[in-house]
Protein backbone atom coordinates (compact mmCIF):
# COMPACT_ATOMS: atom_id res chain seq x y z
CA MET A 1 89.85 30.68 -28.64
CA LYS A 2 90.64 34.03 -27.08
CA PHE A 3 87.89 35.61 -29.17
CA ALA A 4 85.36 33.11 -27.84
CA VAL A 5 86.39 33.77 -24.23
CA ARG A 6 85.98 37.48 -24.78
CA ILE A 7 82.55 37.03 -26.22
CA GLY A 8 81.51 34.92 -23.15
CA TRP A 9 82.76 37.49 -20.69
CA TYR A 10 80.92 40.16 -22.60
CA LEU A 11 77.62 38.25 -22.45
CA LEU A 12 78.04 37.51 -18.73
CA ILE A 13 78.69 41.17 -17.94
CA SER A 14 75.65 42.24 -20.02
CA PHE A 15 73.41 39.74 -18.18
CA GLN A 16 74.58 40.96 -14.78
CA VAL A 17 73.94 44.59 -15.79
CA GLN A 18 70.44 43.62 -16.89
CA LEU A 19 69.81 41.87 -13.58
CA SER A 20 71.10 44.82 -11.66
CA ALA A 21 68.73 47.12 -13.60
CA GLN A 22 65.65 44.97 -12.67
CA ASN A 23 63.40 46.69 -10.06
CA THR A 24 62.23 44.91 -6.87
CA PHE A 25 58.57 45.42 -5.84
CA ARG A 26 56.38 43.01 -3.92
CA GLN A 27 53.61 43.09 -1.32
CA LYS A 28 52.57 40.66 1.44
CA LEU A 29 49.68 40.21 3.93
CA ASP A 30 50.06 38.99 7.48
CA SER A 31 47.23 36.56 6.76
CA THR A 32 45.00 35.85 3.77
CA VAL A 33 42.02 35.16 6.09
CA MET A 34 40.63 37.57 8.70
CA LEU A 35 37.43 38.40 10.59
CA ILE A 36 35.31 41.48 10.09
CA GLY A 37 36.72 44.36 12.15
CA ASP A 38 40.07 42.70 12.81
CA GLN A 39 43.29 44.55 11.92
CA GLN A 40 46.38 43.37 10.04
CA GLN A 41 49.22 44.79 7.95
CA LEU A 42 49.93 45.01 4.24
CA SER A 43 53.72 45.00 3.86
CA ILE A 44 55.38 46.52 0.75
CA TYR A 45 59.01 45.83 -0.24
CA THR A 46 60.93 47.69 -2.95
CA ASP A 47 64.45 48.83 -3.88
CA GLN A 48 63.16 52.09 -5.35
CA ALA A 49 63.86 55.01 -3.01
CA THR A 50 61.75 57.45 -5.03
CA LEU A 51 58.33 55.81 -4.75
CA GLY A 52 56.95 58.28 -2.15
CA GLU A 53 53.14 58.23 -1.69
CA LYS A 54 52.19 57.60 -5.29
CA PRO A 55 51.63 53.83 -5.01
CA PHE A 56 48.95 54.25 -2.32
CA GLU A 57 46.49 56.20 -4.42
CA ILE A 58 44.94 52.97 -5.68
CA LEU A 59 44.33 51.82 -2.10
CA ASP A 60 42.15 54.88 -1.51
CA THR A 61 39.88 53.77 -4.36
CA LEU A 62 39.05 50.42 -2.69
CA HIS A 63 35.71 50.94 -0.87
CA TRP A 64 36.17 47.92 1.36
CA PHE A 65 39.78 48.69 2.34
CA GLN A 66 39.88 50.93 5.42
CA ILE A 67 43.43 52.31 6.05
CA LEU A 68 44.19 52.90 9.71
CA ASP A 69 47.87 53.79 9.45
CA LYS A 70 49.95 54.23 6.25
CA GLY A 71 53.24 53.92 8.13
CA ASN A 72 56.62 55.19 6.84
CA TRP A 73 59.36 53.86 4.58
CA GLN A 74 62.09 52.02 6.43
CA SER A 75 65.42 51.08 4.83
CA LYS A 76 67.05 47.75 5.58
CA ASP A 77 69.80 46.06 3.51
CA GLN A 78 69.17 48.39 0.53
CA ILE A 79 65.42 47.36 0.59
CA PHE A 80 62.77 49.84 1.48
CA GLU A 81 59.91 48.44 3.57
CA ARG A 82 56.55 49.99 4.51
CA LYS A 83 53.75 48.47 6.64
CA ILE A 84 50.16 49.67 6.13
CA ARG A 85 47.72 48.79 8.95
CA PHE A 86 44.10 48.33 7.75
CA THR A 87 40.75 46.72 8.59
CA VAL A 88 37.69 45.47 6.65
CA PHE A 89 34.02 45.79 7.70
CA ASP A 90 32.37 43.71 4.94
CA SER A 91 32.58 39.96 4.57
CA GLY A 92 33.63 38.47 1.26
CA TYR A 93 36.54 37.55 -0.94
CA TYR A 94 38.68 40.51 -2.06
CA ARG A 95 41.67 41.21 -4.33
CA ILE A 96 44.44 43.72 -3.54
CA PRO A 97 45.91 44.74 -6.90
CA VAL A 98 49.52 45.62 -7.70
CA LEU A 99 50.29 49.17 -6.60
CA TYR A 100 51.18 50.80 -9.91
CA GLY A 101 52.87 54.14 -10.05
CA SER A 102 55.94 55.97 -11.16
CA GLY A 103 58.92 53.64 -11.07
CA ILE A 104 56.74 50.56 -10.51
CA PRO A 105 56.55 47.94 -13.27
CA ASP A 106 53.22 47.66 -15.05
CA SER A 107 51.20 44.47 -15.38
CA ASN A 108 53.73 43.22 -17.87
CA GLY A 109 56.71 44.09 -15.65
CA TYR A 110 59.02 41.92 -13.69
CA ALA A 111 57.84 42.66 -10.17
CA GLY A 112 54.63 43.18 -8.20
CA ASN A 113 52.02 40.60 -7.18
CA PRO A 114 48.24 40.81 -6.49
CA LEU A 115 46.96 39.50 -3.14
CA TYR A 116 43.71 37.81 -2.20
CA LEU A 117 41.95 38.23 1.12
CA GLN A 118 38.98 36.36 2.62
CA VAL A 119 36.95 38.18 5.30
CA ASN A 120 34.53 36.16 7.47
CA TYR A 121 31.90 36.84 10.12
CA PRO A 122 32.88 35.87 13.67
CA ALA A 123 31.42 32.58 14.88
CA ASP A 124 28.13 32.89 16.84
CA SER A 125 28.66 31.38 20.24
CA LEU A 126 24.91 30.89 20.67
CA SER A 127 24.69 28.75 17.55
CA ILE A 128 26.62 26.04 19.30
CA LEU A 129 24.32 24.36 21.79
CA ARG A 130 26.04 23.21 24.90
CA PRO A 131 24.16 21.33 27.57
CA ILE A 132 23.95 23.07 30.93
CA LYS A 133 23.93 19.72 32.63
CA ASP A 134 23.88 16.11 31.65
CA ILE A 135 20.70 14.91 29.96
CA GLU A 136 18.62 12.88 32.37
CA GLN A 137 15.74 10.57 31.59
CA THR A 138 12.46 11.86 33.05
CA ASP A 139 9.17 10.08 33.53
CA ASN A 140 6.22 11.00 31.28
CA PRO A 141 3.35 12.75 33.12
CA ASN A 142 0.49 10.46 33.97
CA ARG A 143 -2.13 11.98 31.67
CA LEU A 144 -4.59 9.22 32.40
CA LEU A 145 -4.77 10.34 36.01
CA TYR A 146 -5.44 13.94 34.93
CA LEU A 147 -8.19 12.79 32.57
CA ILE A 148 -9.79 10.70 35.32
CA VAL A 149 -9.74 13.62 37.76
CA LEU A 150 -11.11 16.08 35.17
CA GLY A 151 -13.80 13.65 34.05
CA SER A 152 -14.81 13.00 37.64
CA LEU A 153 -15.14 16.72 38.36
CA LEU A 154 -17.27 17.25 35.26
CA LEU A 155 -19.43 14.27 36.17
CA LEU A 156 -19.92 15.53 39.71
CA GLY A 157 -20.79 18.99 38.39
CA MET A 158 -23.41 17.63 36.02
CA LEU A 159 -24.79 15.38 38.73
CA PHE A 160 -25.14 18.40 40.99
CA VAL A 161 -27.03 20.28 38.27
CA LEU A 162 -29.35 17.35 37.68
CA TRP A 163 -29.84 16.78 41.39
CA GLN A 164 -30.85 20.39 41.86
CA PHE A 165 -33.25 20.11 38.94
CA PHE A 166 -34.83 16.83 40.02
CA ARG A 167 -35.02 17.87 43.65
CA ALA A 168 -38.47 19.50 43.45
CA ASP A 169 -41.06 21.27 41.33
CA LYS A 170 -41.03 24.13 43.81
CA MET A 171 -39.99 27.38 42.19
CA ARG A 172 -37.09 29.46 43.43
CA PRO A 173 -37.42 32.28 44.25
CA ILE A 174 -40.50 31.21 46.13
CA TYR A 175 -42.59 34.24 45.22
CA PHE A 176 -43.39 34.30 41.55
CA GLN A 177 -44.68 37.64 40.30
CA PRO A 178 -46.07 37.43 36.78
CA ALA A 179 -45.31 40.39 34.54
CA LEU A 180 -48.09 42.94 34.23
CA GLU A 181 -49.84 42.40 30.94
CA LYS A 182 -50.55 45.37 28.70
CA LYS A 183 -54.14 46.42 28.36
CA ALA A 184 -56.06 45.74 25.17
CA TRP A 185 -56.10 49.38 24.06
CA GLU A 186 -52.35 49.69 24.71
CA LYS A 187 -51.63 46.65 22.54
CA SER A 188 -53.81 48.06 19.76
CA LEU A 189 -52.04 51.43 19.84
CA ASP A 190 -48.66 49.67 19.67
CA ALA A 191 -49.85 47.75 16.62
CA LEU A 192 -50.97 50.99 14.95
CA TYR A 193 -47.57 52.60 15.56
CA GLU A 194 -45.88 49.57 13.99
CA LEU A 195 -48.19 49.76 10.97
CA LYS A 196 -47.46 53.45 10.57
CA GLU A 197 -43.71 52.79 10.60
CA LYS A 198 -44.05 50.23 7.77
CA LYS A 199 -45.38 52.92 5.37
CA LEU A 200 -47.21 50.36 3.28
CA TRP A 201 -49.49 52.63 1.30
CA GLN A 202 -46.54 54.92 0.52
CA GLN A 203 -44.98 51.86 -1.18
CA ASN A 204 -48.17 51.21 -3.21
CA LYS A 205 -49.10 48.33 -0.89
CA VAL A 206 -52.59 49.71 -0.33
CA LYS A 207 -54.34 46.37 0.09
CA GLU A 208 -51.86 45.14 2.67
CA TYR A 209 -52.21 48.45 4.52
CA TYR A 210 -55.99 48.21 4.83
CA ASP A 211 -55.84 44.49 5.71
CA GLU A 212 -53.61 45.23 8.73
CA LEU A 213 -55.60 48.31 9.74
CA ASN A 214 -58.84 46.29 9.59
CA HIS A 215 -57.29 43.47 11.64
CA ILE A 216 -56.10 45.89 14.37
CA LEU A 217 -59.59 47.39 14.73
CA ARG A 218 -61.22 43.94 14.81
CA SER A 219 -58.73 42.74 17.46
CA TYR A 220 -59.51 45.76 19.59
CA LEU A 221 -63.25 45.09 19.33
CA ALA A 222 -62.71 41.42 20.26
CA ASN A 223 -60.13 41.75 23.05
CA GLY A 224 -60.93 45.22 24.35
CA LEU A 225 -64.75 45.25 24.05
CA LYS A 226 -65.46 41.48 24.07
CA LEU A 227 -67.33 41.54 20.76
CA PRO A 228 -67.22 38.63 18.24
CA ALA A 229 -65.25 40.59 15.67
CA LEU A 230 -62.37 38.41 14.52
CA GLU A 231 -64.38 35.74 12.72
CA SER A 232 -67.37 37.89 11.72
CA THR A 233 -68.22 39.86 8.60
CA THR A 234 -68.48 43.64 8.71
CA SER A 235 -72.29 43.55 8.82
CA GLU A 236 -72.23 40.94 11.62
CA ILE A 237 -69.83 43.11 13.63
CA LEU A 238 -72.07 46.14 13.28
CA ASP A 239 -75.12 44.09 14.27
CA SER A 240 -73.36 42.75 17.38
CA ILE A 241 -72.44 46.30 18.43
CA SER A 242 -76.03 47.41 18.00
CA ASP A 243 -77.36 44.38 19.91
CA SER A 244 -74.88 44.87 22.79
CA GLY A 245 -76.20 48.35 23.51
CA LEU A 246 -72.68 49.73 23.76
CA GLU A 247 -72.35 53.43 23.09
CA LEU A 248 -69.14 53.60 21.10
CA GLU A 249 -67.49 56.88 20.33
CA GLN A 250 -67.15 57.49 16.58
CA PHE A 251 -69.35 54.51 15.72
CA GLY A 252 -70.39 56.08 12.41
CA GLU A 253 -66.79 56.57 11.32
CA LEU A 254 -66.05 52.97 12.31
CA LYS A 255 -68.71 51.81 9.84
CA GLN A 256 -67.10 53.85 7.08
CA CYS A 257 -63.60 52.60 7.88
CA LEU A 258 -64.64 48.93 7.85
CA ALA A 259 -66.58 49.50 4.63
CA GLN A 260 -63.56 51.19 3.04
CA SER A 261 -61.39 48.20 3.97
CA ASP A 262 -63.90 45.85 2.31
CA TYR A 263 -63.91 47.95 -0.87
CA VAL A 264 -60.13 47.79 -1.10
CA LYS A 265 -60.03 44.08 -0.32
CA PHE A 266 -62.88 42.80 -2.49
CA ALA A 267 -63.40 45.52 -5.12
CA ASN A 268 -59.75 46.55 -5.60
CA ALA A 269 -60.60 50.15 -4.80
CA ILE A 270 -57.67 52.56 -4.55
CA PRO A 271 -58.38 55.46 -2.17
CA ASP A 272 -56.42 58.68 -2.51
CA PHE A 273 -53.46 59.43 -0.25
CA SER A 274 -55.40 61.74 2.02
CA ALA A 275 -57.94 59.00 2.77
CA ASN A 276 -55.21 56.54 3.74
CA GLU A 277 -53.78 58.97 6.26
CA GLN A 278 -57.26 59.92 7.46
CA TRP A 279 -58.23 56.35 8.40
CA MET A 280 -54.96 55.88 10.30
CA GLU A 281 -55.68 58.98 12.37
CA PHE A 282 -59.25 57.76 12.92
CA ALA A 283 -58.01 54.40 14.27
CA PHE A 284 -55.80 56.14 16.83
CA ALA A 285 -58.65 58.39 17.93
CA PHE A 286 -61.22 55.56 18.07
CA ILE A 287 -59.05 53.41 20.37
CA ARG A 288 -58.13 56.30 22.65
CA ASN A 289 -61.73 57.59 22.90
CA ASN A 290 -63.09 54.15 23.84
CA LYS A 291 -60.33 52.99 26.24
CA GLU A 292 -62.36 53.78 29.38
CA LEU A 293 -65.28 51.76 28.02
CA SER A 294 -62.84 48.93 27.26
CA GLU A 295 -61.43 48.88 30.79
CA ARG A 296 -64.93 48.89 32.30
CA ILE A 297 -66.08 45.98 30.12
CA LEU A 298 -62.95 43.94 30.85
CA GLU A 299 -63.31 44.52 34.58
CA GLU A 300 -66.96 43.41 34.47
CA LYS A 301 -66.09 40.30 32.51
CA ARG A 302 -62.83 39.55 34.30
CA MET A 303 -62.51 35.83 35.07
CA HIS A 304 -60.45 34.62 38.04
CA TRP A 305 -59.85 31.08 39.23
CA THR A 306 -62.62 31.18 41.84
CA ALA A 307 -65.20 32.52 39.39
CA LEU A 308 -64.23 29.92 36.80
CA MET A 309 -63.76 26.79 38.93
CA GLY A 310 -65.59 27.47 42.15
CA GLN A 311 -64.14 28.20 45.55
CA GLU A 312 -63.15 24.62 46.43
CA ALA A 313 -61.26 23.86 43.21
CA ALA A 314 -59.71 27.32 43.11
CA SER A 315 -58.33 26.87 46.64
CA GLN A 316 -55.63 24.66 45.09
CA PHE A 317 -54.06 27.86 43.71
CA GLU A 318 -51.79 30.19 45.66
CA PHE A 319 -53.57 33.21 44.15
CA PRO A 320 -57.21 32.14 43.51
CA PHE A 321 -58.28 35.66 42.48
CA ASP A 322 -55.66 36.10 39.76
CA ASN A 323 -56.93 36.48 36.22
CA VAL A 324 -57.23 33.26 34.27
CA PRO A 325 -55.46 33.24 30.89
CA ASP A 326 -57.81 32.94 27.93
CA VAL A 327 -56.36 29.59 26.89
CA PHE A 328 -57.45 28.08 30.24
CA ILE A 329 -60.90 29.62 29.98
CA GLN A 330 -61.36 28.24 26.49
CA THR A 331 -60.22 24.72 27.46
CA TYR A 332 -61.96 24.53 30.84
CA ASN A 333 -64.06 21.40 31.39
CA SER A 334 -65.20 20.60 34.92
CA THR A 335 -66.27 17.05 34.07
CA ASN A 336 -63.08 15.73 32.50
CA VAL A 337 -60.68 16.00 35.46
CA GLU A 338 -57.31 14.30 36.04
CA GLN A 339 -54.58 14.37 38.68
CA LEU A 340 -51.46 16.52 38.36
CA GLU A 341 -48.51 15.43 40.51
CA LEU A 342 -45.83 17.93 41.52
CA ILE A 343 -42.75 16.90 43.51
CA GLN A 344 -41.30 18.43 46.66
CA ASN A 345 -37.86 17.46 48.07
CA LEU A 346 -37.09 14.82 45.44
CA LEU A 347 -39.76 12.28 46.37
CA ILE A 348 -42.72 13.91 48.15
CA LYS A 349 -45.69 14.27 45.82
CA HIS A 350 -48.51 16.80 45.86
CA ARG A 351 -51.62 15.96 43.87
CA PHE A 352 -54.06 18.42 42.31
CA GLU A 353 -57.37 17.91 40.49
CA LEU A 354 -57.35 19.86 37.20
CA PRO A 355 -59.07 19.66 33.82
CA ALA A 356 -57.41 17.14 31.51
CA ASP A 357 -56.81 19.77 28.81
CA TRP A 358 -54.85 21.86 31.32
CA LEU A 359 -52.62 18.87 32.06
CA LYS A 360 -51.98 18.48 28.34
CA LEU A 361 -50.83 22.09 28.21
CA HIS A 362 -48.57 21.49 31.22
CA TYR A 363 -46.96 18.35 29.78
CA ARG A 364 -46.59 19.98 26.37
CA GLU A 365 -44.48 22.74 27.94
CA SER A 366 -42.47 20.34 30.16
CA GLY A 367 -38.85 19.51 29.37
CA ILE A 368 -37.51 15.99 28.94
CA PHE A 369 -35.79 15.94 32.37
CA ASN A 370 -39.00 16.87 34.12
CA LYS A 371 -40.86 14.10 32.26
CA TRP A 372 -38.15 11.54 33.12
CA HIS A 373 -38.27 12.50 36.79
CA HIS A 374 -42.02 11.98 37.03
CA SER A 375 -41.83 8.77 34.99
CA LEU A 376 -39.23 7.27 37.35
CA LEU A 377 -41.35 8.00 40.42
CA LYS A 378 -44.36 6.33 38.80
CA ILE A 379 -42.50 3.02 38.52
CA SER A 380 -42.83 2.31 42.22
CA GLU A 381 -44.38 3.93 45.30
CA ASN A 382 -41.60 2.54 47.49
CA LYS A 383 -39.32 5.40 48.57
CA ILE A 384 -36.19 3.24 48.72
CA VAL A 385 -36.78 1.95 45.19
CA GLN A 386 -37.36 5.47 43.95
CA VAL A 387 -34.07 6.71 45.46
CA LEU A 388 -32.15 3.73 44.00
CA LEU A 389 -33.64 4.37 40.59
CA LEU A 390 -32.60 8.01 40.70
CA LEU A 391 -29.08 7.14 41.87
CA PHE A 392 -28.78 4.61 39.06
CA VAL A 393 -30.17 6.81 36.27
CA LEU A 394 -28.66 10.22 37.10
CA PRO A 395 -25.00 9.26 36.30
CA PHE A 396 -26.02 8.01 32.85
CA ILE A 397 -28.02 11.16 32.18
CA SER A 398 -25.12 13.36 33.31
CA VAL A 399 -22.72 11.62 30.88
CA PHE A 400 -24.98 12.44 27.94
CA LEU A 401 -26.07 15.84 29.29
CA PRO A 402 -24.03 17.95 26.82
CA PHE A 403 -25.28 15.86 23.90
CA LEU A 404 -28.89 16.13 25.09
CA ILE A 405 -28.61 19.90 25.44
CA LEU A 406 -27.22 20.24 21.91
CA MET A 407 -29.95 18.02 20.51
CA GLY A 408 -32.59 20.05 22.32
CA ILE A 409 -31.21 23.29 20.88
CA TRP A 410 -31.08 21.82 17.39
CA LYS A 411 -34.64 20.47 17.57
CA LYS A 412 -35.86 23.55 19.46
CA GLU A 413 -37.19 21.34 22.25
CA ALA A 414 -37.48 22.18 25.93
CA ILE A 415 -34.79 20.53 28.10
CA PHE A 416 -35.08 22.03 31.58
CA SER A 417 -38.61 23.47 31.44
CA ARG A 418 -40.90 22.53 34.35
CA GLY A 419 -44.11 23.09 32.42
CA VAL A 420 -46.89 25.54 33.23
CA PHE A 421 -47.61 24.79 36.89
CA ALA A 422 -45.22 24.71 39.85
CA LEU A 423 -45.35 24.59 43.64
CA SER A 424 -45.50 27.80 45.61
CA LYS A 425 -43.99 28.35 49.06
CA ASN A 426 -47.13 26.88 50.58
CA ASN A 427 -47.08 23.89 48.20
CA LYS A 428 -49.98 25.20 46.17
CA LEU A 429 -50.35 25.74 42.45
CA MET A 430 -49.09 28.79 40.63
CA LEU A 431 -48.49 29.64 37.00
CA ILE A 432 -44.88 30.04 35.89
CA LYS A 433 -45.27 30.47 32.13
CA GLU A 434 -47.47 32.46 29.81
CA ILE A 435 -49.46 30.21 27.49
CA LYS A 436 -50.60 31.50 24.12
């Protein structure tokens, strides 16, 4: 019995000695959750007085762990305590390991504990929407009213445009000055310069080169010297020159040039390069040397309205001594005459007696609005009826005006053209468009 008691006391004493030999080492955080940039303390507790600075070497290896103050060891009730102030500048979930060192148990020891820390971003105050004031119900804007106002303005604008157009056939500005037309020899020289720039014979296009050169010379003979050269053969052209008695400069070289063109065209002749350049230089010289003769012939044969139509008929024109375009000369017929009506101040008509073929040219060049205007006034001679018709039709036309303009552009038709003739300041005829 006594032996058993002794053995028990012995075991109890051995266990107490073992407990007293066990080291104390633990660590603690103020909080396991913190915000980026905040500060807190890592507290370390131990009963080992000889730890020194060795345990903190591992903290220096943690890239995310920023030590602000390592503190000092403080003794309290035989326990040494040390508080390390730190901060973290990266968000995430981190682990603070056991601070191993001399006198500290290893991972298989009796003391020490790892810690876990979660670092978060601070909350964004702007991400939380807070109403400045209470939500109030507002009325939807009356878009129908805006559409009505906008549509009305557009309609009035188009009506104004149409009203200005239908108001009269009188041209504004009142004085119409036609552009000065180039002389026949100037046009021929321009054509030669263009042909020279093409460099046809240099590209082995000899036939095309002589065709154009021949056509330029023939046009000059026809338009500049009033000879029947465009539709005649070479021999007929030479005969007409001889019969006219005209003394042309370089007439002999002209014969050779026309003959050379015929050889290339009909006999497939291929002149050498020097000949090609020679005939180009000849054409320039021939036109320049005969330009004075051309101007004299054109002046002698100049046709103005009075010479063509007579003084009474020509008095309808604002400028009765202006030159008459060739297309009017060619289509002139004094027996087949019709009335042309031009409008002043919306309803007032002015009537002119002109050849029917001239009226066809005028109506061919007229736009659809001009035709509609004249057609409406032909329905009735009553002024009140005419005004009512215009007031009734113009709004409908204005609604479809954009569509009509697009259709006219697509079909390449005239929309606003007034034709060939218009009223002058004195309500007489004048030409407003060149007819070809």
